[in-house]
C-alpha atoms as a PDB file:
ATOM      1  CA  MET A   1      10.229 -43.065  -7.068  1.00  0.00           C
ATOM      2  CA  ASN A   2      13.499 -43.083  -5.168  1.00  0.00           C
ATOM      3  CA  ILE A   3      16.213 -44.992  -6.975  1.00  0.00           C
ATOM      4  CA  ALA A   4      18.526 -44.685  -4.004  1.00  0.00           C
ATOM      5  CA  ASN A   5      16.243 -47.050  -2.074  1.00  0.00           C
ATOM      6  CA  SER A   6      16.228 -49.817  -4.676  1.00  0.00           C
ATOM      7  CA  GLY A   7      17.812 -52.344  -2.334  1.00  0.00           C
ATOM      8  CA  THR A   8      21.171 -53.718  -1.261  1.00  0.00           C
ATOM      9  CA  THR A   9      21.206 -56.420  -3.929  1.00  0.00           C
ATOM     10  CA  ASN A  10      20.630 -53.948  -6.750  1.00  0.00           C
ATOM     11  CA  MET A  11      23.274 -51.552  -5.482  1.00  0.00           C
ATOM     12  CA  THR A  12      25.803 -54.360  -5.098  1.00  0.00           C
ATOM     13  CA  ALA A  13      25.256 -55.391  -8.718  1.00  0.00           C
ATOM     14  CA  THR A  14      25.321 -51.755  -9.789  1.00  0.00           C
ATOM     15  CA  ASN A  15      28.634 -51.073  -8.071  1.00  0.00           C
ATOM     16  CA  LYS A  16      30.130 -54.134  -9.744  1.00  0.00           C
ATOM     17  CA  THR A  17      28.911 -52.976 -13.165  1.00  0.00           C
ATOM     18  CA  THR A  18      30.338 -49.506 -12.593  1.00  0.00           C
ATOM     19  CA  ALA A  19      33.715 -50.982 -11.708  1.00  0.00           C
ATOM     20  CA  ASP A  20      33.623 -53.215 -14.772  1.00  0.00           C
ATOM     21  CA  LEU A  21      33.047 -50.219 -17.038  1.00  0.00           C
ATOM     22  CA  LYS A  22      35.973 -48.147 -15.794  1.00  0.00           C
ATOM     23  CA  MET A  23      38.573 -47.950 -18.517  1.00  0.00           C
ATOM     24  CA  GLY A  24      41.824 -49.552 -17.456  1.00  0.00           C
ATOM     25  CA  SER A  25      40.427 -51.291 -14.377  1.00  0.00           C
ATOM     26  CA  ARG A  26      39.208 -54.351 -16.330  1.00  0.00           C
ATOM     27  CA  SER A  27      40.073 -56.079 -19.569  1.00  0.00           C
ATOM     28  CA  ALA A  28      38.289 -55.115 -22.772  1.00  0.00           C
ATOM     29  CA  THR A  29      36.518 -58.472 -22.680  1.00  0.00           C
ATOM     30  CA  GLN A  30      35.134 -57.785 -19.218  1.00  0.00           C
ATOM     31  CA  ARG A  31      34.008 -54.304 -20.167  1.00  0.00           C
ATOM     32  CA  VAL A  32      32.164 -55.609 -23.223  1.00  0.00           C
ATOM     33  CA  ALA A  33      30.594 -58.334 -21.080  1.00  0.00           C
ATOM     34  CA  ALA A  34      29.413 -55.733 -18.565  1.00  0.00           C
ATOM     35  CA  ILE A  35      27.745 -53.680 -21.299  1.00  0.00           C
ATOM     36  CA  GLY A  36      26.296 -56.842 -22.792  1.00  0.00           C
ATOM     37  CA  GLU A  37      24.752 -57.717 -19.431  1.00  0.00           C
ATOM     38  CA  LEU A  38      23.087 -54.306 -19.248  1.00  0.00           C
ATOM     39  CA  PHE A  39      21.780 -54.608 -22.819  1.00  0.00           C
ATOM     40  CA  GLY A  40      20.830 -58.253 -22.467  1.00  0.00           C
ATOM     41  CA  ASP A  41      17.960 -58.100 -20.007  1.00  0.00           C
ATOM     42  CA  PRO A  42      14.656 -57.749 -21.946  1.00  0.00           C
ATOM     43  CA  SER A  43      13.233 -55.172 -19.516  1.00  0.00           C
ATOM     44  CA  ARG A  44      16.376 -53.033 -19.628  1.00  0.00           C
ATOM     45  CA  ALA A  45      16.462 -53.364 -23.418  1.00  0.00           C
ATOM     46  CA  ALA A  46      12.854 -52.131 -23.588  1.00  0.00           C
ATOM     47  CA  ILE A  47      13.765 -49.131 -21.436  1.00  0.00           C
ATOM     48  CA  LEU A  48      16.741 -48.255 -23.633  1.00  0.00           C
ATOM     49  CA  VAL A  49      14.780 -48.623 -26.865  1.00  0.00           C
ATOM     50  CA  ALA A  50      11.994 -46.430 -25.441  1.00  0.00           C
ATOM     51  CA  LEU A  51      14.587 -43.667 -25.030  1.00  0.00           C
ATOM     52  CA  LEU A  52      16.036 -43.992 -28.530  1.00  0.00           C
ATOM     53  CA  ASP A  53      13.857 -41.143 -29.780  1.00  0.00           C
ATOM     54  CA  GLY A  54      15.967 -38.731 -27.711  1.00  0.00           C
ATOM     55  CA  ARG A  55      13.152 -37.740 -25.348  1.00  0.00           C
ATOM     56  CA  ALA A  56      13.497 -37.919 -21.557  1.00  0.00           C
ATOM     57  CA  ARG A  57      10.955 -39.985 -19.651  1.00  0.00           C
ATOM     58  CA  THR A  58       9.950 -40.606 -16.056  1.00  0.00           C
ATOM     59  CA  ALA A  59      10.480 -43.887 -14.235  1.00  0.00           C
ATOM     60  CA  GLY A  60       6.734 -44.534 -14.411  1.00  0.00           C
ATOM     61  CA  GLU A  61       6.675 -44.112 -18.188  1.00  0.00           C
ATOM     62  CA  LEU A  62       9.652 -46.424 -18.560  1.00  0.00           C
ATOM     63  CA  ALA A  63       8.035 -49.027 -16.303  1.00  0.00           C
ATOM     64  CA  LEU A  64       5.112 -49.061 -18.744  1.00  0.00           C
ATOM     65  CA  ALA A  65       7.498 -49.313 -21.693  1.00  0.00           C
ATOM     66  CA  GLY A  66       9.154 -52.331 -20.116  1.00  0.00           C
ATOM     67  CA  ASN A  67       5.848 -53.817 -18.923  1.00  0.00           C
ATOM     68  CA  ILE A  68       7.311 -54.127 -15.428  1.00  0.00           C
ATOM     69  CA  SER A  69       6.460 -52.934 -11.935  1.00  0.00           C
ATOM     70  CA  ALA A  70       7.654 -49.605 -10.576  1.00  0.00           C
ATOM     71  CA  GLN A  71       9.926 -51.392  -8.114  1.00  0.00           C
ATOM     72  CA  SER A  72      11.514 -53.498 -10.842  1.00  0.00           C
ATOM     73  CA  ALA A  73      11.959 -50.430 -13.050  1.00  0.00           C
ATOM     74  CA  SER A  74      13.714 -48.661 -10.196  1.00  0.00           C
ATOM     75  CA  GLY A  75      16.311 -51.422  -9.984  1.00  0.00           C
ATOM     76  CA  HIS A  76      16.887 -51.536 -13.736  1.00  0.00           C
ATOM     77  CA  LEU A  77      17.176 -47.754 -13.975  1.00  0.00           C
ATOM     78  CA  ALA A  78      19.724 -47.755 -11.171  1.00  0.00           C
ATOM     79  CA  LYS A  79      21.888 -50.266 -13.028  1.00  0.00           C
ATOM     80  CA  LEU A  80      21.618 -48.452 -16.345  1.00  0.00           C
ATOM     81  CA  THR A  81      22.436 -45.101 -14.755  1.00  0.00           C
ATOM     82  CA  ALA A  82      25.397 -46.404 -12.765  1.00  0.00           C
ATOM     83  CA  GLY A  83      26.592 -48.281 -15.836  1.00  0.00           C
ATOM     84  CA  GLY A  84      26.824 -45.019 -17.758  1.00  0.00           C
ATOM     85  CA  LEU A  85      24.046 -45.746 -20.244  1.00  0.00           C
ATOM     86  CA  LEU A  86      21.464 -43.350 -18.778  1.00  0.00           C
ATOM     87  CA  VAL A  87      21.504 -40.002 -17.044  1.00  0.00           C
ATOM     88  CA  VAL A  88      18.829 -38.727 -14.690  1.00  0.00           C
ATOM     89  CA  ARG A  89      17.766 -35.106 -14.322  1.00  0.00           C
ATOM     90  CA  SER A  90      15.505 -33.619 -11.681  1.00  0.00           C
ATOM     91  CA  GLN A  91      12.813 -31.099 -12.529  1.00  0.00           C
ATOM     92  CA  GLY A  92      10.708 -30.115  -9.564  1.00  0.00           C
ATOM     93  CA  ARG A  93       9.445 -33.292  -7.940  1.00  0.00           C
ATOM     94  CA  HIS A  94      10.026 -35.358 -11.053  1.00  0.00           C
ATOM     95  CA  ARG A  95      13.077 -37.281 -12.238  1.00  0.00           C
ATOM     96  CA  TYR A  96      13.597 -37.762 -15.958  1.00  0.00           C
ATOM     97  CA  TYR A  97      15.789 -40.382 -17.578  1.00  0.00           C
ATOM     98  CA  GLU A  98      17.469 -40.187 -20.970  1.00  0.00           C
ATOM     99  CA  LEU A  99      20.281 -41.896 -22.865  1.00  0.00           C
ATOM    100  CA  ALA A 100      23.650 -40.707 -21.568  1.00  0.00           C
ATOM    101  CA  ASN A 101      24.922 -39.692 -24.998  1.00  0.00           C
ATOM    102  CA  ALA A 102      24.796 -40.410 -28.709  1.00  0.00           C
ATOM    103  CA  GLU A 103      27.310 -43.231 -28.341  1.00  0.00           C
ATOM    104  CA  VAL A 104      24.741 -45.285 -26.433  1.00  0.00           C
ATOM    105  CA  ALA A 105      22.243 -44.724 -29.249  1.00  0.00           C
ATOM    106  CA  HIS A 106      24.814 -45.788 -31.849  1.00  0.00           C
ATOM    107  CA  ALA A 107      25.514 -48.986 -29.903  1.00  0.00           C
ATOM    108  CA  LEU A 108      21.794 -49.784 -29.645  1.00  0.00           C
ATOM    109  CA  GLU A 109      21.229 -49.112 -33.337  1.00  0.00           C
ATOM    110  CA  ALA A 110      24.190 -51.317 -34.284  1.00  0.00           C
ATOM    111  CA  ALA A 111      23.027 -54.082 -31.954  1.00  0.00           C
ATOM    112  CA  GLY A 112      19.573 -53.960 -33.502  1.00  0.00           C
ATOM    113  CA  SER A 113      21.068 -54.348 -36.988  1.00  0.00           C
ATOM    114  CA  LEU A 114      22.334 -57.809 -36.032  1.00  0.00           C
ATOM    115  CA  ASP A 115      18.745 -59.053 -35.818  1.00  0.00           C
ATOM    116  CA  ALA A 116      17.037 -56.956 -38.496  1.00  0.00           C
ATOM    117  CA  ARG A 117      17.736 -59.579 -41.145  1.00  0.00           C
ATOM    118  CA  SER A 118      17.677 -63.347 -40.880  1.00  0.00           C
ATOM    119  CA  THR A 119      21.268 -64.535 -40.801  1.00  0.00           C
ATOM    120  CA  ASN A 120      20.837 -68.294 -40.819  1.00  0.00           C
ATOM    121  CA  GLY A 121      17.958 -68.883 -43.219  1.00  0.00           C
ATOM    122  CA  ALA A 122      15.897 -70.315 -40.381  1.00  0.00           C
ATOM    123  CA  ALA A 123      13.694 -67.311 -39.611  1.00  0.00           C
ATOM    124  CA  ASN A 124       9.992 -67.868 -40.119  1.00  0.00           C
ATOM    125  CA  GLY A 125      10.284 -71.620 -40.389  1.00  0.00           C
ATOM    126  CA  GLY A 126      13.264 -71.469 -42.710  1.00  0.00           C
ATOM    127  CA  ALA A 127      11.344 -69.591 -45.396  1.00  0.00           C
ATOM    128  CA  ALA A 128      13.513 -66.464 -45.407  1.00  0.00           C
ATOM    129  CA  PRO A 129      16.681 -66.724 -47.535  1.00  0.00           C
ATOM    130  CA  HIS A 130      20.018 -65.893 -45.961  1.00  0.00           C
ATOM    131  CA  GLY A 131      20.377 -62.198 -45.167  1.00  0.00           C
ATOM    132  CA  THR A 132      16.867 -61.143 -46.177  1.00  0.00           C
ATOM    133  CA  MET A 133      14.803 -58.610 -44.275  1.00  0.00           C
ATOM    134  CA  ILE A 134      12.590 -60.039 -41.549  1.00  0.00           C
ATOM    135  CA  PRO A 135       9.029 -59.766 -42.981  1.00  0.00           C
ATOM    136  CA  SER A 136       7.650 -57.775 -40.039  1.00  0.00           C
ATOM    137  CA  LEU A 137      10.184 -55.017 -40.791  1.00  0.00           C
ATOM    138  CA  ALA A 138      10.209 -55.118 -44.576  1.00  0.00           C
ATOM    139  CA  ASN A 139       7.439 -52.567 -45.208  1.00  0.00           C
ATOM    140  CA  SER A 140       7.179 -51.003 -41.765  1.00  0.00           C
ATOM    141  CA  ASP A 141       6.996 -47.285 -41.061  1.00  0.00           C
ATOM    142  CA  ILE A 142       9.905 -47.557 -38.635  1.00  0.00           C
ATOM    143  CA  ARG A 143      12.110 -48.938 -41.383  1.00  0.00           C
ATOM    144  CA  MET A 144      11.203 -46.110 -43.744  1.00  0.00           C
ATOM    145  CA  ALA A 145      12.020 -43.173 -41.451  1.00  0.00           C
ATOM    146  CA  ARG A 146      12.659 -42.842 -37.722  1.00  0.00           C
ATOM    147  CA  SER A 147      14.769 -40.921 -35.269  1.00  0.00           C
ATOM    148  CA  CYS A 148      17.902 -42.515 -33.887  1.00  0.00           C
ATOM    149  CA  TYR A 149      18.474 -40.451 -30.729  1.00  0.00           C
ATOM    150  CA  ASP A 150      18.751 -36.999 -32.341  1.00  0.00           C
ATOM    151  CA  HIS A 151      19.305 -37.784 -36.020  1.00  0.00           C
ATOM    152  CA  LEU A 152      17.406 -39.324 -38.910  1.00  0.00           C
ATOM    153  CA  ALA A 153      17.556 -43.073 -39.582  1.00  0.00           C
ATOM    154  CA  GLY A 154      15.915 -45.609 -41.866  1.00  0.00           C
ATOM    155  CA  ILE A 155      15.680 -45.933 -45.648  1.00  0.00           C
ATOM    156  CA  ILE A 156      15.244 -42.176 -46.121  1.00  0.00           C
ATOM    157  CA  ALA A 157      18.363 -41.404 -44.068  1.00  0.00           C
ATOM    158  CA  VAL A 158      20.545 -44.062 -45.687  1.00  0.00           C
ATOM    159  CA  ASP A 159      19.536 -42.955 -49.179  1.00  0.00           C
ATOM    160  CA  LEU A 160      20.108 -39.281 -48.383  1.00  0.00           C
ATOM    161  CA  THR A 161      23.499 -40.049 -46.835  1.00  0.00           C
ATOM    162  CA  ARG A 162      24.514 -41.984 -49.953  1.00  0.00           C
ATOM    163  CA  ARG A 163      23.523 -39.026 -52.131  1.00  0.00           C
ATOM    164  CA  MET A 164      25.440 -36.620 -49.884  1.00  0.00           C
ATOM    165  CA  GLU A 165      28.535 -38.774 -50.342  1.00  0.00           C
ATOM    166  CA  THR A 166      28.048 -39.117 -54.101  1.00  0.00           C
ATOM    167  CA  SER A 167      27.548 -35.363 -54.534  1.00  0.00           C
ATOM    168  CA  GLU A 168      30.614 -34.717 -52.326  1.00  0.00           C
ATOM    169  CA  ALA A 169      28.694 -32.830 -49.677  1.00  0.00           C
ATOM    170  CA  ILE A 170      30.328 -35.158 -47.144  1.00  0.00           C
ATOM    171  CA  ARG A 171      33.111 -37.716 -47.351  1.00  0.00           C
ATOM    172  CA  ALA A 172      34.169 -40.540 -45.087  1.00  0.00           C
ATOM    173  CA  CYS A 173      37.270 -40.035 -43.000  1.00  0.00           C
ATOM    174  CA  GLY A 174      38.874 -42.007 -40.215  1.00  0.00           C
ATOM    175  CA  GLU A 175      37.155 -45.162 -39.035  1.00  0.00           C
ATOM    176  CA  TRP A 176      33.616 -43.886 -38.374  1.00  0.00           C
ATOM    177  CA  GLU A 177      33.562 -40.174 -39.151  1.00  0.00           C
ATOM    178  CA  TYR A 178      32.568 -37.827 -41.938  1.00  0.00           C
ATOM    179  CA  GLU A 179      34.003 -34.474 -42.935  1.00  0.00           C
ATOM    180  CA  LEU A 180      32.672 -31.851 -45.313  1.00  0.00           C
ATOM    181  CA  GLY A 181      33.274 -32.558 -48.972  1.00  0.00           C
ATOM    182  CA  ARG A 182      34.097 -29.934 -51.572  1.00  0.00           C
ATOM    183  CA  ASN A 183      30.394 -29.191 -52.084  1.00  0.00           C
ATOM    184  CA  GLY A 184      29.446 -29.360 -48.412  1.00  0.00           C
ATOM    185  CA  GLU A 185      29.174 -25.645 -47.689  1.00  0.00           C
ATOM    186  CA  LYS A 186      26.819 -25.101 -50.611  1.00  0.00           C
ATOM    187  CA  PHE A 187      24.750 -28.223 -49.885  1.00  0.00           C
ATOM    188  CA  PHE A 188      24.009 -27.419 -46.255  1.00  0.00           C
ATOM    189  CA  ALA A 189      23.572 -23.683 -46.860  1.00  0.00           C
ATOM    190  CA  LYS A 190      20.837 -24.560 -49.350  1.00  0.00           C
ATOM    191  CA  ILE A 191      18.964 -26.424 -46.602  1.00  0.00           C
ATOM    192  CA  GLY A 192      19.517 -23.582 -44.139  1.00  0.00           C
ATOM    193  CA  ILE A 193      22.010 -25.233 -41.769  1.00  0.00           C
ATOM    194  CA  ASP A 194      24.592 -22.973 -40.092  1.00  0.00           C
ATOM    195  CA  LEU A 195      27.769 -25.053 -40.227  1.00  0.00           C
ATOM    196  CA  GLU A 196      29.707 -22.690 -37.985  1.00  0.00           C
ATOM    197  CA  ALA A 197      27.118 -23.107 -35.253  1.00  0.00           C
ATOM    198  CA  VAL A 198      27.288 -26.887 -35.690  1.00  0.00           C
ATOM    199  CA  ARG A 199      31.071 -26.830 -35.311  1.00  0.00           C
ATOM    200  CA  LEU A 200      30.859 -24.936 -32.020  1.00  0.00           C
ATOM    201  CA  GLY A 201      29.438 -27.942 -30.208  1.00  0.00           C
ATOM    202  CA  ARG A 202      31.605 -30.274 -28.158  1.00  0.00           C
ATOM    203  CA  ARG A 203      30.451 -33.471 -29.832  1.00  0.00           C
ATOM    204  CA  THR A 204      31.800 -35.123 -32.966  1.00  0.00           C
ATOM    205  CA  PHE A 205      31.017 -32.962 -35.992  1.00  0.00           C
ATOM    206  CA  ALA A 206      29.762 -35.786 -38.221  1.00  0.00           C
ATOM    207  CA  ARG A 207      29.936 -39.546 -38.005  1.00  0.00           C
ATOM    208  CA  ARG A 208      28.671 -42.701 -39.619  1.00  0.00           C
ATOM    209  CA  CYS A 209      26.045 -44.587 -37.646  1.00  0.00           C
ATOM    210  CA  LEU A 210      25.243 -48.144 -38.769  1.00  0.00           C
ATOM    211  CA  ASP A 211      21.556 -48.197 -39.598  1.00  0.00           C
ATOM    212  CA  TRP A 212      19.576 -50.800 -37.646  1.00  0.00           C
ATOM    213  CA  THR A 213      17.391 -52.001 -40.529  1.00  0.00           C
ATOM    214  CA  GLU A 214      19.522 -51.206 -43.587  1.00  0.00           C
ATOM    215  CA  ARG A 215      22.983 -52.181 -42.286  1.00  0.00           C
ATOM    216  CA  LYS A 216      24.425 -49.213 -44.114  1.00  0.00           C
ATOM    217  CA  PRO A 217      25.610 -45.900 -42.633  1.00  0.00           C
ATOM    218  CA  HIS A 218      23.484 -42.840 -42.081  1.00  0.00           C
ATOM    219  CA  LEU A 219      24.669 -39.398 -40.986  1.00  0.00           C
ATOM    220  CA  ALA A 220      24.952 -38.841 -37.222  1.00  0.00           C
ATOM    221  CA  GLY A 221      26.891 -36.536 -34.923  1.00  0.00           C
ATOM    222  CA  ALA A 222      26.276 -32.818 -34.553  1.00  0.00           C
ATOM    223  CA  LEU A 223      25.661 -32.412 -38.284  1.00  0.00           C
ATOM    224  CA  GLY A 224      23.156 -35.282 -38.343  1.00  0.00           C
ATOM    225  CA  ALA A 225      21.296 -33.728 -35.414  1.00  0.00           C
ATOM    226  CA  ALA A 226      21.233 -30.335 -37.119  1.00  0.00           C
ATOM    227  CA  LEU A 227      19.896 -31.944 -40.288  1.00  0.00           C
ATOM    228  CA  LEU A 228      16.955 -33.628 -38.549  1.00  0.00           C
ATOM    229  CA  THR A 229      16.169 -30.458 -36.596  1.00  0.00           C
ATOM    230  CA  ARG A 230      16.107 -28.479 -39.817  1.00  0.00           C
ATOM    231  CA  LEU A 231      13.943 -31.012 -41.665  1.00  0.00           C
ATOM    232  CA  VAL A 232      11.392 -30.750 -38.851  1.00  0.00           C
ATOM    233  CA  GLU A 233      11.557 -26.923 -38.861  1.00  0.00           C
ATOM    234  CA  VAL A 234      10.745 -26.688 -42.563  1.00  0.00           C
ATOM    235  CA  ASN A 235       8.030 -29.362 -42.276  1.00  0.00           C
ATOM    236  CA  TRP A 236       9.746 -31.855 -44.546  1.00  0.00           C
ATOM    237  CA  VAL A 237       9.393 -34.479 -41.829  1.00  0.00           C
ATOM    238  CA  VAL A 238       6.988 -34.676 -38.888  1.00  0.00           C
ATOM    239  CA  ARG A 239       7.585 -36.581 -35.670  1.00  0.00           C
ATOM    240  CA  LYS A 240       4.964 -39.116 -34.629  1.00  0.00           C
ATOM    241  CA  ARG A 241       3.887 -38.554 -31.053  1.00  0.00           C
ATOM    242  CA  ASP A 242       5.343 -41.001 -28.500  1.00  0.00           C
ATOM    243  CA  SER A 243       7.208 -42.884 -31.200  1.00  0.00           C
ATOM    244  CA  ARG A 244      10.549 -42.971 -33.000  1.00  0.00           C
ATOM    245  CA  ILE A 245       8.713 -42.975 -36.320  1.00  0.00           C
ATOM    246  CA  VAL A 246       8.886 -39.796 -38.373  1.00  0.00           C
ATOM    247  CA  ARG A 247       6.652 -39.154 -41.367  1.00  0.00           C
ATOM    248  CA  VAL A 248       7.965 -37.552 -44.533  1.00  0.00           C
ATOM    249  CA  THR A 249       5.456 -34.976 -45.766  1.00  0.00           C
ATOM    250  CA  HIS A 250       4.472 -34.541 -49.415  1.00  0.00           C
ATOM    251  CA  LEU A 251       6.627 -31.408 -49.514  1.00  0.00           C
ATOM    252  CA  GLY A 252       9.465 -33.345 -47.885  1.00  0.00           C
ATOM    253  CA  GLU A 253       9.263 -36.180 -50.411  1.00  0.00           C
ATOM    254  CA  ARG A 254       9.879 -33.694 -53.195  1.00  0.00           C
ATOM    255  CA  LYS A 255      12.467 -31.538 -51.440  1.00  0.00           C
ATOM    256  CA  ILE A 256      14.491 -34.387 -49.910  1.00  0.00           C
ATOM    257  CA  GLY A 257      14.360 -36.203 -53.227  1.00  0.00           C
ATOM    258  CA  GLU A 258      16.011 -33.186 -54.884  1.00  0.00           C
ATOM    259  CA  LEU A 259      18.924 -33.033 -52.444  1.00  0.00           C
ATOM    260  CA  GLY A 260      22.235 -34.219 -53.840  1.00  0.00           C
ATOM    261  CA  ARG A 261      20.841 -34.726 -57.334  1.00  0.00           C
END
């Protein structure tokens, strides 16, 4: 599938979106509107959500995820790539798409949190009280534990993050970041995470990511990614194939439950 041949109309819209996103060339309002336009189309939203598990996918796979034709997917992928939300990598004859960075995942997770709970009391025929969890999410596997790009999200992640804060393994700093607390070195060494290796990366060391279903922060950034990787390595959590859902094993229930206690 050749994105370069997606048509004059698509490329015109893409070029406009790219210009809108350039810092300094447009007002903040226009930049937010440009991102909102990219997020707002249901097919593009389906493509972005399909990539929230951090895996790269082909255009054909993403067309299936969006329930759209290959030609339509090509146009949407062109806009998302030019808009800075996706990157494309070539491997042999195949082209693979993935989220451009963790910031895109954070924005998607935060956007999803706006709709995870009924906010006007009118959901489900007005039966749900203000601010209550939408019934379809209340007891779902995806609410319990899932990946958010490259880190852990859901009830398990929010609860663990709260315990890490309470035990002073991490502490909030700045507007959306974490730093190590006085017990951080000991806490992460116990799990088997090499903090020096985590610090060597270019990305933010640790940050707060607003959880989509819980509307509370979970741990993200390089440290959040290292934590999920380690939990998978020691078989405390297991990824569900072709899904964001992760399953906490019986061993993981016990071991994760002990952390920060």
